[in-house]
Protein backbone atom coordinates (compact mmCIF):
# COMPACT_ATOMS: atom_id res chain seq x y z
CA MET A 1 -1.58 13.95 21.89
CA ALA A 2 -3.46 10.88 20.65
CA TRP A 3 -3.17 10.39 16.90
CA PRO A 4 -5.77 8.53 14.84
CA THR A 5 -5.08 4.92 13.91
CA GLY A 6 -6.71 5.12 10.49
CA ARG A 7 -5.22 6.10 7.12
CA ASP A 8 -5.89 9.83 7.46
CA ALA A 9 -3.05 10.92 9.76
CA GLY A 10 -1.62 13.22 7.10
CA VAL A 11 1.69 11.46 6.34
CA LYS A 12 2.07 8.79 3.67
CA LEU A 13 5.36 6.92 4.07
CA LEU A 14 6.98 4.66 1.45
CA ILE A 15 9.67 2.35 2.84
CA VAL A 16 12.00 0.75 0.28
CA THR A 17 13.89 -2.43 1.13
CA PRO A 18 15.62 -5.04 -1.06
CA TRP A 19 14.17 -8.12 0.63
CA PRO A 20 10.58 -9.32 1.19
CA LEU A 21 9.25 -8.62 4.66
CA ASP A 22 8.64 -12.32 5.32
CA SER A 23 12.28 -13.26 4.68
CA ARG A 24 14.52 -14.28 7.58
CA GLY A 25 17.01 -11.82 8.98
CA GLY A 26 17.25 -9.08 11.55
CA GLY A 27 17.19 -6.30 8.95
CA GLN A 28 13.88 -7.35 7.43
CA ARG A 29 12.34 -8.02 10.80
CA LEU A 30 13.35 -4.51 11.84
CA VAL A 31 11.78 -2.97 8.72
CA LYS A 32 8.54 -4.86 9.30
CA GLU A 33 8.30 -4.03 13.00
CA VAL A 34 9.02 -0.34 12.43
CA ALA A 35 6.46 -0.20 9.60
CA VAL A 36 3.76 -1.95 11.63
CA ALA A 37 4.44 0.21 14.70
CA LEU A 38 4.19 3.44 12.70
CA ALA A 39 0.93 2.33 11.09
CA THR A 40 -0.74 0.62 14.05
CA HIS A 41 0.30 2.81 16.95
CA HIS A 42 0.84 6.19 15.30
CA GLY A 43 -1.59 6.25 12.39
CA LEU A 44 0.82 6.79 9.48
CA ASP A 45 -0.18 5.48 6.06
CA VAL A 46 2.70 3.06 5.44
CA HIS A 47 3.54 1.38 2.14
CA VAL A 48 6.52 -0.92 1.61
CA ALA A 49 8.23 -1.51 -1.73
CA ALA A 50 10.02 -4.78 -0.99
CA GLY A 51 12.52 -6.24 -3.44
CA THR A 52 12.66 -9.93 -4.20
CA GLY A 53 16.00 -10.27 -2.40
CA LEU A 54 17.76 -12.36 -5.04
CA PRO A 55 18.29 -11.15 -8.63
CA GLY A 56 15.92 -12.83 -11.04
CA SER A 57 13.37 -13.91 -8.42
CA PRO A 58 9.79 -13.21 -9.52
CA ALA A 59 7.77 -10.55 -7.73
CA VAL A 60 4.99 -12.82 -6.42
CA PRO A 61 1.79 -10.89 -5.53
CA ILE A 62 1.00 -10.83 -1.82
CA GLU A 63 -1.95 -10.00 0.38
CA THR A 64 -2.07 -6.32 1.35
CA ALA A 65 -4.85 -6.44 3.96
CA GLY A 66 -3.32 -5.38 7.27
CA ALA A 67 -1.56 -2.51 8.97
CA ILE A 68 0.79 -1.90 6.03
CA HIS A 69 0.69 -2.27 2.24
CA GLU A 70 3.57 -4.35 0.86
CA VAL A 71 4.28 -4.47 -2.89
CA ARG A 72 6.98 -6.74 -4.33
CA VAL A 73 9.43 -5.16 -6.77
CA PRO A 74 11.85 -7.33 -8.83
CA LEU A 75 15.52 -6.98 -7.92
CA VAL A 76 17.56 -6.81 -11.13
CA LEU A 77 21.32 -7.21 -11.41
CA ARG A 78 23.45 -5.04 -13.68
CA PRO A 79 26.79 -6.39 -14.98
CA GLY A 80 29.11 -6.63 -11.97
CA ALA A 81 32.30 -4.70 -11.34
CA SER A 82 35.57 -6.52 -10.73
CA GLY A 83 37.41 -6.49 -7.42
CA ARG A 84 34.39 -7.18 -5.22
CA SER A 85 33.07 -10.29 -3.56
CA ARG A 86 29.86 -11.85 -4.93
CA SER A 87 27.76 -10.36 -2.13
CA GLU A 88 29.29 -6.91 -2.68
CA ASN A 89 28.66 -7.16 -6.42
CA ILE A 90 25.01 -7.91 -5.77
CA ALA A 91 24.77 -5.06 -3.26
CA MET A 92 26.35 -2.50 -5.56
CA THR A 93 25.09 -3.50 -9.01
CA SER A 94 21.42 -4.24 -8.31
CA TYR A 95 18.36 -2.05 -8.63
CA LEU A 96 14.62 -2.34 -8.04
CA HIS A 97 12.88 -2.54 -11.39
CA GLY A 98 9.64 -0.54 -11.42
CA LEU A 99 10.27 1.36 -8.19
CA GLU A 100 9.92 4.77 -9.85
CA PRO A 101 6.46 4.24 -11.40
CA LEU A 102 5.30 2.59 -8.18
CA ALA A 103 6.32 5.67 -6.20
CA GLU A 104 4.61 7.91 -8.73
CA ALA A 105 1.40 5.95 -8.21
CA ILE A 106 1.62 5.95 -4.39
CA ARG A 107 2.61 9.66 -4.18
CA PRO A 108 4.30 9.44 -0.75
CA ASP A 109 5.05 12.43 1.46
CA VAL A 110 8.29 10.79 2.69
CA ILE A 111 10.42 8.00 1.28
CA ALA A 112 12.71 5.86 3.47
CA PHE A 113 15.27 3.14 2.79
CA ALA A 114 16.36 0.31 5.11
CA PRO A 115 18.60 -1.52 5.82
CA HIS A 116 22.28 -1.24 4.75
CA TYR A 117 23.95 0.91 2.12
CA SER A 118 23.75 -0.43 -1.46
CA SER A 119 23.05 0.69 -5.01
CA CYS A 120 19.34 0.40 -4.14
CA THR A 121 19.90 3.02 -1.46
CA GLU A 122 21.35 5.35 -4.09
CA GLN A 123 18.37 4.61 -6.35
CA THR A 124 15.94 5.50 -3.56
CA ALA A 125 17.79 8.73 -2.73
CA ALA A 126 17.69 9.77 -6.39
CA LEU A 127 13.97 9.00 -6.51
CA ALA A 128 13.33 11.18 -3.44
CA ALA A 129 15.19 14.05 -5.11
CA GLN A 130 13.19 13.55 -8.31
CA LEU A 131 9.90 13.62 -6.36
CA ARG A 132 11.12 16.55 -4.20
CA ILE A 133 10.21 14.76 -0.97
CA PRO A 134 12.26 14.02 2.18
CA PHE A 135 14.64 11.06 2.15
CA VAL A 136 15.04 9.01 5.35
CA LEU A 137 17.70 6.37 5.98
CA MET A 138 17.82 3.53 8.48
CA PRO A 139 21.23 2.23 7.40
CA ALA A 140 21.86 -0.39 10.15
CA ILE A 141 25.59 0.15 9.73
CA HIS A 142 28.07 -2.65 10.36
CA LEU A 143 31.06 -0.56 11.37
CA ASP A 144 33.58 -3.13 10.08
CA HIS A 145 31.90 -3.52 6.66
CA ARG A 146 33.79 -1.57 4.00
CA LEU A 147 30.70 -0.80 1.90
CA HIS A 148 28.83 0.57 4.91
CA ILE A 149 31.62 2.95 5.96
CA GLY A 150 33.13 3.92 2.60
CA ARG A 151 33.18 7.41 1.10
CA ALA A 152 30.14 6.84 -1.11
CA ALA A 153 28.10 5.59 1.85
CA MET A 154 29.15 8.51 4.06
CA ARG A 155 28.27 10.97 1.31
CA LEU A 156 24.79 9.47 1.09
CA TYR A 157 24.32 9.52 4.86
CA ARG A 158 25.09 13.25 4.82
CA SER A 159 22.54 13.84 2.05
CA ALA A 160 19.60 12.33 3.95
CA ASP A 161 17.01 14.51 5.66
CA LEU A 162 16.95 12.08 8.58
CA VAL A 163 19.20 9.16 9.55
CA VAL A 164 17.70 6.73 12.06
CA CYS A 165 20.33 5.13 14.32
CA LEU A 166 20.00 1.74 16.00
CA SER A 167 22.59 2.40 18.72
CA GLU A 168 24.46 5.22 20.38
CA THR A 169 27.68 3.79 18.90
CA GLU A 170 26.24 4.11 15.40
CA ARG A 171 25.01 7.65 16.16
CA GLN A 172 28.44 8.73 17.39
CA TRP A 173 30.13 7.31 14.27
CA LEU A 174 27.69 9.12 11.98
CA LEU A 175 28.24 12.34 13.92
CA SER A 176 32.03 12.28 14.23
CA THR A 177 33.25 10.26 11.23
CA ALA A 178 30.55 10.60 8.56
CA ARG A 179 29.89 14.17 9.79
CA VAL A 180 26.11 13.99 9.60
CA PRO A 181 24.66 17.02 11.45
CA ASP A 182 23.30 16.11 14.87
CA ALA A 183 19.93 17.69 14.01
CA ARG A 184 19.44 15.06 11.30
CA LEU A 185 20.18 12.05 13.54
CA LEU A 186 17.53 10.17 15.49
CA LEU A 187 18.35 7.39 17.97
CA LEU A 188 15.67 4.68 17.67
CA GLU A 189 17.17 1.39 18.90
CA CYS A 190 14.69 -1.51 18.75
CA GLY A 191 11.48 -2.44 20.53
CA TRP A 192 10.31 -5.68 22.12
CA ASN A 193 7.03 -7.09 20.83
CA GLY A 194 6.88 -10.20 22.94
CA PRO A 195 5.21 -10.63 26.31
CA VAL A 196 7.09 -9.35 29.36
CA LEU A 197 7.04 -12.50 31.45
CA ALA A 198 8.58 -13.34 34.78
CA ARG A 199 10.57 -16.55 34.58
CA GLY A 200 12.51 -18.52 37.15
CA ARG A 201 16.25 -19.05 37.14
CA ARG A 202 17.41 -20.82 33.99
CA GLY A 203 19.71 -23.29 35.66
CA ALA A 204 21.02 -26.39 33.95
CA GLY A 205 18.55 -29.23 33.83
CA GLY A 206 20.02 -32.60 34.81
CA ASP A 207 23.61 -33.14 33.69
CA CYS A 208 23.49 -31.00 30.53
CA VAL A 209 23.57 -27.25 29.93
CA ARG A 210 21.38 -26.32 26.97
CA LEU A 211 22.93 -23.56 24.84
CA LEU A 212 21.24 -21.71 21.99
CA THR A 213 22.32 -19.28 19.30
CA VAL A 214 20.07 -17.75 16.64
CA GLY A 215 21.33 -16.07 13.48
CA ALA A 216 22.05 -16.63 9.82
CA PHE A 217 24.72 -19.13 8.85
CA VAL A 218 27.33 -16.55 7.84
CA ARG A 219 30.99 -16.24 8.74
CA HIS A 220 30.76 -13.08 10.82
CA LYS A 221 28.51 -14.80 13.39
CA GLN A 222 31.62 -16.82 14.45
CA VAL A 223 29.59 -19.88 15.44
CA ASP A 224 32.81 -21.91 15.19
CA HIS A 225 33.92 -20.18 18.42
CA GLN A 226 30.80 -21.52 20.12
CA VAL A 227 31.43 -25.06 18.88
CA GLN A 228 34.99 -24.86 20.20
CA ALA A 229 33.68 -23.59 23.55
CA VAL A 230 31.42 -26.66 23.86
CA ALA A 231 34.49 -28.87 23.36
CA ARG A 232 36.48 -26.85 25.92
CA LEU A 233 33.68 -27.13 28.48
CA ARG A 234 33.75 -30.89 28.04
CA ASP A 235 37.53 -31.42 27.90
CA ARG A 236 38.82 -28.83 30.40
CA ILE A 237 35.97 -28.36 32.85
CA GLY A 238 34.06 -31.63 32.58
CA LEU A 239 30.79 -29.84 31.86
CA HIS A 240 28.40 -31.39 29.36
CA ALA A 241 26.71 -28.82 27.10
CA HIS A 242 24.39 -29.14 24.12
CA LEU A 243 24.47 -26.33 21.54
CA THR A 244 21.63 -25.64 19.10
CA VAL A 245 22.38 -23.31 16.18
CA ALA A 246 19.24 -21.98 14.47
CA GLY A 247 19.12 -19.55 11.58
CA ALA A 248 18.67 -18.87 7.89
CA LEU A 249 20.98 -20.74 5.53
CA ALA A 250 22.57 -17.66 3.99
CA GLU A 251 25.94 -19.25 3.16
CA PRO A 252 25.81 -23.05 2.74
CA ALA A 253 29.63 -23.24 2.80
CA VAL A 254 29.57 -21.92 6.38
CA LEU A 255 27.28 -24.74 7.49
CA ASP A 256 29.53 -27.28 5.72
CA ARG A 257 32.57 -25.97 7.63
CA LEU A 258 30.70 -26.10 10.91
CA ARG A 259 29.70 -29.70 10.29
CA ARG A 260 33.34 -30.61 9.60
CA LEU A 261 34.43 -28.89 12.81
CA ARG A 262 31.74 -30.72 14.77
CA ARG A 263 33.02 -34.03 13.41
CA GLN A 264 36.67 -33.16 14.11
CA LEU A 265 35.89 -32.31 17.74
CA ASP A 266 33.72 -35.41 18.19
CA LEU A 267 30.66 -33.31 19.05
CA GLU A 268 28.04 -34.84 16.75
CA PRO A 269 25.62 -35.69 19.61
CA ASP A 270 26.20 -32.32 21.31
CA VAL A 271 25.89 -29.74 18.52
CA GLU A 272 22.86 -29.54 16.23
CA PHE A 273 22.25 -27.22 13.28
CA LEU A 274 18.69 -26.14 12.44
CA PRO A 275 18.62 -23.98 9.31
CA ASP A 276 15.44 -22.08 8.43
CA CYS A 277 13.43 -22.65 11.61
CA THR A 278 9.87 -21.45 11.92
CA ASP A 279 8.81 -18.88 14.51
CA ALA A 280 7.16 -21.66 16.50
CA ASP A 281 10.43 -23.61 16.48
CA LEU A 282 12.34 -20.59 17.75
CA THR A 283 9.87 -19.97 20.56
CA ARG A 284 10.28 -23.57 21.70
CA LEU A 285 14.08 -23.34 21.49
CA TYR A 286 14.17 -20.20 23.63
CA ALA A 287 11.87 -21.88 26.16
CA ASP A 288 14.18 -24.91 26.45
CA ALA A 289 17.53 -23.08 26.61
CA ASN A 290 19.60 -22.31 29.70
CA CYS A 291 21.96 -19.80 28.05
CA PHE A 292 21.99 -17.82 24.82
CA LEU A 293 25.29 -17.27 22.97
CA PHE A 294 26.05 -14.28 20.74
CA THR A 295 29.53 -14.04 19.25
CA SER A 296 29.05 -12.02 16.07
CA ARG A 297 31.97 -9.96 14.81
CA SER A 298 29.76 -7.49 12.93
CA GLU A 299 26.33 -6.26 14.06
CA SER A 300 24.25 -3.11 13.83
CA PHE A 301 22.06 -4.07 16.81
CA GLY A 302 21.39 -7.73 17.68
CA LEU A 303 17.67 -8.54 17.59
CA ALA A 304 18.19 -12.21 18.48
CA LEU A 305 19.96 -11.09 21.65
CA LEU A 306 17.05 -8.78 22.47
CA ASP A 307 14.76 -11.81 22.07
CA ALA A 308 16.89 -13.82 24.51
CA ILE A 309 16.59 -11.07 27.12
CA GLY A 310 12.86 -10.89 26.47
CA PHE A 311 12.39 -14.65 26.88
CA GLY A 312 14.56 -14.68 30.02
CA VAL A 313 17.37 -16.84 28.58
CA LEU A 314 20.65 -15.69 30.14
CA PRO A 315 22.86 -14.20 27.37
CA VAL A 316 26.61 -14.85 27.18
CA VAL A 317 28.10 -12.49 24.62
CA TYR A 318 31.32 -11.13 23.23
CA PRO A 319 32.47 -7.58 24.21
CA HIS A 320 31.15 -6.07 20.98
CA PRO A 321 30.74 -2.27 21.22
CA ILE A 322 27.09 -2.38 20.10
CA TYR A 323 25.31 -5.51 21.22
CA SER A 324 27.11 -5.94 24.56
CA GLN A 325 25.31 -2.74 25.56
CA LEU A 326 22.05 -4.70 25.54
CA VAL A 327 23.40 -6.98 28.26
CA GLU A 328 24.86 -4.11 30.26
CA SER A 329 21.82 -1.84 30.03
CA SER A 330 19.34 -4.62 30.85
CA GLY A 331 21.47 -5.90 33.74
CA PHE A 332 20.91 -9.43 32.48
CA GLY A 333 23.69 -11.61 31.08
CA VAL A 334 27.46 -12.06 31.00
CA VAL A 335 29.96 -10.28 28.73
CA ALA A 336 33.14 -12.24 27.96
CA ARG A 337 36.47 -10.54 28.62
CA ARG A 338 37.67 -11.09 25.05
CA ALA A 339 36.28 -12.34 21.73
CA THR A 340 37.92 -15.77 21.88
CA PRO A 341 36.68 -19.34 22.44
CA ALA A 342 38.70 -19.50 25.69
CA ALA A 343 37.11 -16.32 27.06
CA LEU A 344 33.67 -17.54 25.94
CA THR A 345 34.25 -20.78 27.86
CA ASP A 346 35.14 -18.82 31.01
CA ALA A 347 32.06 -16.62 30.62
CA LEU A 348 29.86 -19.69 30.17
CA ARG A 349 31.23 -21.27 33.32
CA LEU A 350 30.46 -18.05 35.20
CA ALA A 351 26.94 -17.92 33.73
CA VAL A 352 26.17 -21.54 34.61
CA ASN A 353 27.33 -21.04 38.19
CA ALA A 354 25.68 -17.65 38.66
CA ASP A 355 22.45 -17.44 40.63
CA THR A 356 20.78 -15.01 38.20
CA PRO A 357 16.97 -15.14 38.19
CA ALA A 358 15.38 -14.40 34.84
CA ASP A 359 12.49 -12.60 36.52
CA ASN A 360 14.63 -9.92 38.18
CA GLY A 361 12.96 -6.51 38.30
CA ALA A 362 15.66 -4.75 36.27
CA ARG A 363 15.09 -6.95 33.22
CA LEU A 364 11.31 -6.61 33.34
CA ASP A 365 11.42 -2.84 33.82
CA TRP A 366 13.93 -2.53 30.97
CA LEU A 367 11.68 -4.52 28.62
CA GLN A 368 8.57 -2.56 29.53
CA GLN A 369 10.36 0.66 28.57
CA ARG A 370 11.20 -0.81 25.14
CA SER A 371 7.70 -1.50 23.81
CA TRP A 372 7.35 -0.63 20.13
CA PRO A 373 4.69 2.04 20.72
CA GLN A 374 7.15 3.88 22.99
CA VAL A 375 10.29 3.27 20.94
CA SER A 376 8.71 4.32 17.64
CA ALA A 377 7.00 7.48 18.95
CA PRO A 378 9.96 9.87 18.32
CA LEU A 379 10.30 8.54 14.76
CA ALA A 380 6.59 9.01 14.08
CA GLU A 381 6.77 12.60 15.31
CA ALA A 382 9.88 13.30 13.22
CA LEU A 383 8.21 11.91 10.10
CA ARG A 384 5.18 14.17 10.64
CA ARG A 385 7.39 17.25 10.85
CA LEU A 386 9.70 16.30 7.98
CA PRO A 387 7.66 17.33 4.89
CA ALA A 388 7.20 20.92 6.11
CA TYR A 389 10.83 21.10 7.24
CA HIS A 390 11.99 19.80 3.85
CA VAL A 391 10.02 22.52 2.03
CA ARG A 392 11.43 25.25 4.28
CA GLU A 393 15.02 24.10 3.97
CA GLY A 394 14.91 23.31 0.26
CA SER A 395 16.93 20.60 -1.49
CA ARG A 396 20.50 20.20 -0.33
């Protein structure tokens, strides 16, 4: 059935998220793309209450003309609890000031929170109960993050009317460990918004292999493994590689350590760091790269890896239970045997020598099946059914 694309489709959705939609990061990009897909392709009336991301940042007014309505809400920090890291303190002692009156003014039919479990998630769940409307979660769980998999988080996952999963691994964990009923789980994964383009084999140009990784400068991305692999390619195989690391400067200390490692390994001409690139910069970097590296220890999906597959840049990734599935299901890329610099070096050598065309039919077919209109359709249908279901079932 074709649904209208205007604002009268019968479901008003309020999505709550701690960071502005224009901030860098896979989580915020996911929120924005889901919101736009639901509004543009499925006719839902979508509002976003976006926090300022950092405590004390002002809620700068923004333009609301477009597919979705975004309103900035100040993120406020309560006194922190001891025994947590700084990032955990912010996650668990912050709240969105003014969220409740904003929701009262919008009068949504459904309220959703994304991404990641935090005190703001608890605030949103309590608001949904107060308004007597369904509560939806898109938790984007990092399965090795103690806040994401702790008892409080699991209790909240079980309380939600619908939990949207980004991978089958996440769905299985929610089902078997958090014990969320299967009827309240929806597998979404992520869509591809870019053009589905055929592209020739991404072989090395000249005497240098151009490597790219995209992601925030944070420890769990394990970019130091990639820097070590560049040195191993040079010293043990005699292969010259140039690595570009592009991403948001989330932890300046991580970039400082990477610069020291680059200097120690005598790689200053061969490894460059580009914090806070623009979208245009990233498009150019993908176009110039031969291989894309992804070595993160903790991921809920891996949008940058999806981009690499979309742009036809051969991925070389660690055997992570979630994002390696993107390589395996698309049939495009190489998965290292282990999560070590030595195994990454071996996988890179295999990738450079492999005759893998980027325009193979499997990759293009796989991308065409992952368009956002198709991927988001089950979620749109679930959100339409949810208010009536919530009334029938009553509050849990």
